[in-house]
Protein backbone atom coordinates (compact mmCIF):
# COMPACT_ATOMS: atom_id res chain seq x y z
CA MET A 1 -23.07 10.61 4.97
CA SER A 2 -22.42 10.84 8.70
CA LEU A 3 -19.76 8.11 8.53
CA GLN A 4 -18.02 9.84 5.62
CA THR A 5 -18.06 13.13 7.52
CA TRP A 6 -16.44 11.58 10.57
CA ASN A 7 -13.92 9.76 8.37
CA ASN A 8 -12.89 13.09 6.88
CA PHE A 9 -12.58 14.52 10.38
CA ALA A 10 -10.37 11.57 11.38
CA ALA A 11 -8.30 12.16 8.23
CA ILE A 12 -7.67 15.78 9.22
CA ILE A 13 -6.39 14.69 12.63
CA SER A 14 -4.26 11.86 11.24
CA ASN A 15 -2.74 14.02 8.49
CA SER A 16 -1.81 16.74 10.97
CA ALA A 17 -0.40 14.20 13.40
CA ALA A 18 1.67 12.48 10.68
CA GLY A 19 3.45 15.72 9.76
CA PHE A 20 4.14 16.65 13.38
CA ILE A 21 5.35 13.20 14.46
CA SER A 22 7.50 12.60 11.37
CA ASP A 23 9.43 15.80 12.09
CA ARG A 24 10.10 14.53 15.60
CA VAL A 25 10.99 10.87 15.06
CA GLY A 26 12.12 10.88 11.41
CA ARG A 27 10.11 10.14 8.32
CA LYS A 28 11.24 6.54 7.79
CA ARG A 29 10.64 5.58 11.41
CA ASN A 30 7.27 7.31 11.27
CA LEU A 31 6.30 5.36 8.13
CA LEU A 32 7.32 2.03 9.67
CA GLY A 33 5.20 2.83 12.71
CA ALA A 34 2.29 3.75 10.42
CA TRP A 35 2.37 0.35 8.69
CA VAL A 36 2.50 -1.41 12.07
CA LEU A 37 -0.46 0.66 13.25
CA CYS A 38 -2.47 -0.27 10.13
CA ALA A 39 -1.71 -3.97 10.56
CA ALA A 40 -2.71 -3.85 14.23
CA VAL A 41 -5.97 -2.06 13.43
CA ILE A 42 -6.77 -4.64 10.73
CA VAL A 43 -6.36 -7.43 13.29
CA ILE A 44 -8.57 -5.54 15.77
CA CYS A 45 -11.26 -4.99 13.13
CA SER A 46 -11.09 -8.65 12.11
CA ILE A 47 -11.49 -9.90 15.67
CA PHE A 48 -14.22 -7.53 16.83
CA ALA A 49 -16.19 -6.96 13.61
CA ALA A 50 -19.84 -7.65 14.43
CA PRO A 51 -22.55 -6.82 11.84
CA ASN A 52 -25.24 -6.58 14.54
CA GLN A 53 -23.32 -3.90 16.48
CA PHE A 54 -23.67 -0.90 14.19
CA LEU A 55 -22.19 1.82 16.40
CA PHE A 56 -19.23 -0.37 17.38
CA CYS A 57 -18.50 -1.10 13.71
CA ILE A 58 -18.59 2.62 12.95
CA GLY A 59 -15.99 3.16 15.66
CA LEU A 60 -13.79 0.47 14.14
CA MET A 61 -14.13 1.98 10.66
CA LEU A 62 -13.16 5.40 12.03
CA LEU A 63 -10.11 3.85 13.68
CA PHE A 64 -9.18 2.17 10.40
CA GLY A 65 -9.76 5.42 8.48
CA PHE A 66 -7.47 7.26 10.88
CA SER A 67 -4.66 4.72 10.60
CA LEU A 68 -4.96 4.39 6.81
CA ASN A 69 -4.88 8.15 6.24
CA TYR A 70 -1.95 8.41 8.63
CA ALA A 71 -0.01 5.83 6.61
CA ILE A 72 -0.84 7.45 3.26
CA THR A 73 0.27 10.85 4.50
CA SER A 74 3.45 9.34 5.93
CA VAL A 75 4.29 7.94 2.48
CA ASN A 76 3.65 11.31 0.85
CA LEU A 77 6.00 13.02 3.31
CA LEU A 78 8.81 10.64 2.42
CA MET A 79 8.48 10.19 -1.35
CA PRO A 80 10.11 13.41 -2.62
CA GLU A 81 13.23 12.72 -0.55
CA GLN A 82 13.80 9.28 -2.06
CA TYR A 83 14.44 10.36 -5.66
CA PRO A 84 17.31 12.27 -7.29
CA THR A 85 16.45 15.79 -8.37
CA ALA A 86 16.44 14.88 -12.08
CA ILE A 87 13.59 12.35 -11.70
CA ARG A 88 11.87 13.53 -8.51
CA ASN A 89 8.65 14.64 -10.22
CA THR A 90 8.49 11.46 -12.29
CA GLY A 91 9.12 9.22 -9.29
CA VAL A 92 6.48 10.86 -7.11
CA ALA A 93 3.95 10.88 -9.97
CA TRP A 94 4.51 7.17 -10.63
CA CYS A 95 3.99 6.40 -6.94
CA HIS A 96 0.66 8.21 -6.99
CA ALA A 97 -0.30 6.46 -10.23
CA PHE A 98 0.36 3.03 -8.73
CA ALA A 99 -1.68 4.02 -5.69
CA ARG A 100 -4.63 4.73 -8.00
CA PHE A 101 -4.18 1.36 -9.70
CA GLY A 102 -4.08 -0.35 -6.32
CA GLY A 103 -7.13 1.50 -5.08
CA SER A 104 -9.14 0.59 -8.18
CA ALA A 105 -8.02 -3.02 -8.34
CA SER A 106 -8.18 -3.81 -4.62
CA SER A 107 -11.94 -3.24 -4.35
CA ILE A 108 -12.53 -5.59 -7.29
CA VAL A 109 -10.15 -8.24 -5.97
CA LEU A 110 -11.53 -8.02 -2.43
CA GLY A 111 -15.07 -8.39 -3.75
CA GLY A 112 -14.03 -11.57 -5.55
CA ILE A 113 -12.34 -12.87 -2.40
CA ALA A 114 -15.50 -12.22 -0.37
CA GLY A 115 -17.40 -14.54 -2.71
CA MET A 116 -14.98 -17.44 -2.40
CA ALA A 117 -16.11 -20.59 -0.58
CA ALA A 118 -13.18 -20.35 1.85
CA PHE A 119 -14.59 -17.05 3.16
CA GLN A 120 -18.14 -18.29 3.70
CA THR A 121 -19.66 -19.37 7.00
CA VAL A 122 -21.51 -22.64 7.55
CA GLY A 123 -24.76 -20.73 7.10
CA GLY A 124 -23.70 -19.53 3.65
CA THR A 125 -23.00 -15.90 4.58
CA THR A 126 -19.71 -14.07 4.08
CA ASN A 127 -17.25 -14.29 6.96
CA TRP A 128 -16.24 -10.64 6.99
CA SER A 129 -13.70 -11.18 9.76
CA LEU A 130 -11.60 -13.32 7.41
CA VAL A 131 -12.16 -10.96 4.49
CA VAL A 132 -10.96 -7.98 6.54
CA LEU A 133 -7.92 -9.96 7.68
CA VAL A 134 -6.79 -10.28 4.04
CA LEU A 135 -6.10 -6.54 4.10
CA ILE A 136 -3.13 -7.12 6.36
CA VAL A 137 -1.10 -8.47 3.41
CA PRO A 138 -0.35 -5.14 1.66
CA PHE A 139 0.47 -3.45 4.97
CA VAL A 140 2.98 -6.15 5.90
CA LEU A 141 4.54 -5.95 2.44
CA GLY A 142 4.65 -2.16 2.72
CA PHE A 143 6.43 -2.43 6.06
CA ILE A 144 9.05 -4.81 4.60
CA CYS A 145 9.61 -2.59 1.55
CA ALA A 146 9.99 0.52 3.71
CA LEU A 147 12.34 -1.27 6.10
CA LEU A 148 14.63 -2.59 3.36
CA PHE A 149 14.52 -0.03 0.56
CA VAL A 150 13.68 3.39 2.03
CA ARG A 151 16.66 5.48 3.11
CA ASP A 152 16.51 7.45 6.32
CA THR A 153 16.33 11.18 5.55
CA ASN A 154 15.80 12.48 9.07
CA GLY A 155 17.36 15.90 9.61
CA LYS A 156 18.74 16.19 6.07
CA SER A 157 17.95 18.88 3.55
CA MET A 158 17.31 18.25 -0.15
CA ASP A 159 20.78 19.63 -0.94
CA GLN A 160 22.39 17.17 1.48
CA LEU A 161 20.46 14.27 0.00
CA ALA A 162 21.50 15.31 -3.52
CA ASN A 163 25.17 15.40 -2.45
CA GLU A 164 24.85 11.88 -0.99
CA ALA A 165 23.70 10.42 -4.32
CA THR A 166 26.11 7.71 -5.43
CA GLY A 167 25.32 7.91 -9.12
CA ASP A 168 24.39 4.20 -9.38
CA GLU A 169 20.69 4.52 -8.63
CA LEU A 170 18.37 2.19 -10.50
CA SER A 171 18.05 3.53 -14.03
CA GLY A 172 17.95 2.46 -17.66
CA THR A 173 15.36 1.43 -20.20
CA ALA A 174 15.01 -2.18 -19.01
CA PRO A 175 13.59 -1.42 -15.53
CA PHE A 176 11.30 1.21 -17.02
CA ALA A 177 10.05 -1.23 -19.65
CA ILE A 178 9.38 -3.83 -16.97
CA MET A 179 7.43 -1.31 -14.94
CA LEU A 180 5.31 -0.45 -17.99
CA ALA A 181 4.65 -4.16 -18.56
CA ILE A 182 3.57 -4.52 -14.91
CA VAL A 183 1.19 -1.58 -15.33
CA VAL A 184 -0.39 -3.21 -18.39
CA ILE A 185 -0.73 -6.60 -16.66
CA LEU A 186 -2.16 -5.09 -13.47
CA PHE A 187 -4.62 -2.93 -15.39
CA SER A 188 -5.71 -5.82 -17.64
CA LEU A 189 -6.13 -8.52 -14.99
CA CYS A 190 -7.54 -6.48 -12.12
CA ILE A 191 -9.54 -3.72 -13.81
CA VAL A 192 -10.32 -4.39 -17.49
CA CYS A 193 -11.17 -8.11 -17.24
CA PRO A 194 -13.50 -7.82 -14.19
CA LEU A 195 -15.36 -4.91 -15.80
CA ALA A 196 -15.47 -6.26 -19.36
CA ILE A 197 -16.00 -10.00 -18.80
CA ASN A 198 -19.23 -11.08 -17.12
CA GLY A 199 -18.54 -13.43 -14.21
CA TRP A 200 -14.78 -12.94 -14.46
CA SER A 201 -14.15 -13.62 -10.75
CA LYS A 202 -16.04 -16.95 -10.71
CA PRO A 203 -13.53 -19.24 -12.53
CA PRO A 204 -10.95 -20.74 -10.11
CA ILE A 205 -8.04 -19.25 -12.06
CA ALA A 206 -9.36 -15.66 -11.99
CA LEU A 207 -8.50 -14.71 -8.40
CA PRO A 208 -4.95 -16.16 -8.54
CA LEU A 209 -4.38 -14.16 -11.72
CA MET A 210 -5.66 -10.96 -10.10
CA ALA A 211 -3.58 -11.60 -6.98
CA THR A 212 -0.53 -12.07 -9.19
CA GLY A 213 -1.21 -8.73 -10.86
CA MET A 214 -1.47 -7.03 -7.47
CA LEU A 215 1.78 -8.58 -6.23
CA LEU A 216 3.90 -7.92 -9.33
CA PRO A 217 4.90 -4.39 -8.23
CA PHE A 218 6.17 -5.79 -4.94
CA ALA A 219 8.12 -8.47 -6.81
CA PHE A 220 9.73 -5.74 -8.91
CA PHE A 221 10.73 -3.77 -5.81
CA PHE A 222 12.21 -6.83 -4.10
CA ILE A 223 14.19 -7.97 -7.16
CA PHE A 224 15.63 -4.64 -8.29
CA GLY A 225 15.79 -3.16 -4.80
CA GLY A 226 17.57 -6.29 -3.61
CA LYS A 227 20.22 -5.79 -6.29
CA GLN A 228 20.77 -2.24 -5.06
CA LEU A 229 21.09 -3.49 -1.48
CA ALA A 230 23.62 -6.09 -2.59
CA LYS A 231 25.68 -3.41 -4.38
CA GLY A 232 25.60 -1.22 -1.29
CA ALA A 233 26.67 -4.10 0.94
CA GLY A 234 29.51 -4.92 -1.46
CA ARG A 235 30.93 -1.41 -1.15
CA LYS A 236 31.06 -1.59 2.64
């Protein structure tokens, strides 16, 4: 209870800081810095995690809670400015929905990873330093996605952003259908199967399948976002 209380206190500070700093340096730059901060904190936690040093581990978890809440808030500040007015509510809602999928699936996937032989010590216990280090993957992917696909909205009003719309934003039934298929695959592999099938994470094929489900949204962003980048480069 004490740790949760202090985590909430750290979240208040990080959320307030994210809003203040993003107004000063720009929301895209702030988000990129947030992902870098999260990755750095993951490395620090991985190196210095020590189960026999309780108070030190609490300090590390508070540092991680601060950086994670800072990054989440930085995303929320930027999302509404990335979508045209006609689909702004839908776009933001879908982002939050995928965050819920990721939050539900990641704990299941990480639990399966912790039980893998590659993450065990010689004495047969879980090597939590390696398990924690796995968390750096989504933060690095988030940094790359933000760097490539997020437009800089610093100092621009919603009206200015609407006037800058080119009219060729990603749209159509095909991308939407693919996104729905990704939702079904992610939900089935990473949530339904682990909860419905006893011992689902033990077969060698299970974790690769769950990892694939977790990475499919990123693949979608890189493929369709890359096409948009190519179109933009062709117009210049």
